[in-house]
Amino acid sequence: MTSEQLQKARTFEETYGPRVPESERPLFHVTAGVGWLNDPNGFSVYRGEYHLFYQYHPYSTHWGPMHWGHLKTKDFLKWERLPVALAPDCEYDRDGCWSGGAVELPDGRQLLMYTGRRAQEENGMEVAYQTQCLAVGDGRDYQKYEGNPVLTAENLPDGCSPHEFRDPKMWREPDGAYRAVTVTCAADGSGAVLLWGSGDGFSWRFESVLERCRNEYGAMWECPDFFPLGGRQVLIVSPMEMRPMGLEFHAGYGTVCMIGSYNREDGAFSREAVQSLDYGLDFYAAQTLETLDGRRVMIAWMQNWATVACQAHGIRCYGEMTIPRELSLRGNRLIQNPVRELERYRVNPVVYRGILLSEETSLEGVRGRVLDMTVSVAPTSENGYRWFKVRVAKDGERETTVQYEPESGVIEIDRSRCGAPYDITHVRKFLARRQNGKLKLRFVMDRHSLELFVNDGEQAASLLLYAPESADVISFEADGGIVRMDIEKYGLEMP
């Protein structure tokens, strides 16, 4: 039975979603039906298709009582919008259906697990409680489980906060058992990841504290994911209140990837390597799934809580996801690249080989705001060069730059002149290494976003652009020497 609140959200989306101009939406990246979008939820396989839910407030372009929006796809790029899946319509989730996960049950139904938020006044102050809840459906319509909530404060280990207990990510083990990870605030005031187990997906028990922050990587952690990859185990979290650590981690909201080993018998994870998941300005709350052909694919919210007030006037849809990315390991490093399906949408190739470059140069056929472009540069002499720079989304007044300095190994992205009328973070620096003297940069642009992939995915950096789409000039420049440059550029079109 569809509740009044859920039907209201569905009707609102059906009425106002078609009124959002296509010019306000990217071509390939996920957006909300209408209104506000943040964290990806329930990224999973169901009945041979890939489903994605998301944190959703259809009634405005600002965060509000959370619903679950819903889409599905067969190739991660062409998405079909489905009706709103969840609304905050029960006592235990009256203030929001927060982030969570999804799995396909053996009987063919789809099980959603999410955080229900309920706030109440205590001693003159608002206090919020977070519990874990379930809903079951057929890929379109969902009924909340009569036994909700299935995890409450009573299930938490000693010292964990019922006010910071959220974001379940659920999966099935090869033996058919279910596992989930959630985050909580531990006794030391910082985040921890808890591991839970279930035989049927409905009755859950605490198993172990999988990992603790210990105030080392931020404070409270959010949106965990935990999965095997290349014979190792990977834990992803999104910390709040990060402190900068060299050029690896920046201040504020971040994303951390931990690579290690996992003992299923005692639920112990041993951390062996730690890295930033994205080095850009707009990336948070990543989720992954295993594809039907065995790949691990990740998607994230291409935004930052510190910049969400930076909105154009009069828009009806705000927020988008990153392009889904294939993950792999190269030694102790997580590698990420756009899903290979993107190549199906390439059109109008433009290729240049061996361009000798020093002063700022634009090349015929190399411009645009919806494109997939790879640039490789190498010095032409032992003396090298001081820096190499690519300017995109340029029109004489506005531009966004990506600059590399080989001596320091630093890449700097700078959108301070991209057209944003707000004093938000615009510059980020991170380290990159050359491979046999070469640097390889892949630019994926989709109207108002840029995702940069360095050296075949060793680093990724995501950022939003605020210049009008008419700012489509691209130029290249080197200083302190001549570089040899190869370019392979494609337009992208949706059939």
Foldseek 3Di string as FASTA:
>chain_A
DDDPQQVVQQVLLVVCLVVFDCLVPFQFFDFASWADWFWWAAQEDAPQKTKIWTFDDQPHNDDFATWIWIWIGNQLGDIDGAGTEGGLDDQQQVRHFAHEHWDQAPVRKIKTKTKGKHWDDDPNDIAIFIFIWMWIGNRHYIDTDPPPPQGAPVQDDPFWDRRAKTHWYKDADPVGKIKIWIWTQGNVQAIWIWIWTDNGVRHIHTQGGAGTCSCPAAGYWHQWDWDDAPNKIKIKIWHAQGPDDPQFDHGGIFIKIFIAHADPVRGYTDTDDMTTAAQAAFWHNKDWYQHPVGWIKIKTWRHHPQCSVQDDPPGTIDTTMDQIWTWHDDDRFIFTDHPPSQVVFWDDKDKDFFDKAAAKDFDPPPKFQAKKKKKKKAAPDPQRFQKKKKWWLADPQFIWMWMAGQVVQKIKTARVRLPGPDPDDGIGIHGDHADVRMKMWIWGGTQFKTWIAIPNGRHIYIHGGDRHRVSMTMIMHTHGHIMTMIMIMTGGDDD
